Amino acid sequence: MLDGIVRKNIDPVLNAAGRAIAGTGITPNTITLSGWIIGIAAAIAIAFENNITGLVLILASRAADGLDGAVAKVSGTSDFGGYLDIVLDFFFYGAIPLGFVLADPGNNAIAGAILIFSFYFNGSTFLAYSALAEKNDIKTNVRGSKALYFTTGLAEATETIVVFMLFCLFPGWFSEIAYVFALICFWTSLSRIFLARQAFP
């Protein structure tokens, strides 16, 4: 829901940085992999209850996730680059809640499992919609130029990162926040199914 607003504000900065980085010869896939590694480090830090370190690493990981696309605009996009980006994004989104579960399984396991399940459901509706949009030659730039068709929804990347930040700042409220966001993810998934019913009769 908030991705469009955020992108309008950060894209000029990312694009300028992307042009500078592309000039060094660093590839978009290198940045994607670097962001993934930083994301893994964030989950490990959280698992060991170093939540502020985890928060800083989460933000660094997502900065890399924005930069890879900006660099690709200059150096050239590739289908594999788009594939790698989305696969490692989903890995990251599952790893952060898992870190909190490992940090305190007694209190966080059920809420974490439900949240990750909601991510799984949400991700499946997103990817299935993208595949059918490609099959039916449906295009959109509503979230900028992407390798996959991006449908909007109540739970998008910005909302997810905000939730992860709240987890880090208020770890004692992990379960309550996770349950609420899981409901939001389920709602987004169901709304995407209704959207698919209209787009793909």
Foldseek 3Di string as FASTA:
>chain_A
DCLLVVCVVCVVVLLVVLVVVLVVVDALLNLLVVLLVLLLVLLQCLLQPVLVSSLVSPVVSVSSLSNSVSNCVPVHDDLVSLVSSVVSVLVSLLSNLVSLCNNPVVPRVVLSVLLNVLSVLLVVLQVVLQVVCVVVVNDDQSNHDGSTHGDDFPDDDVNSSVLSNCCSVCVVCNSVSSVVVSVRSNVRSVVSVVVCVVVPD
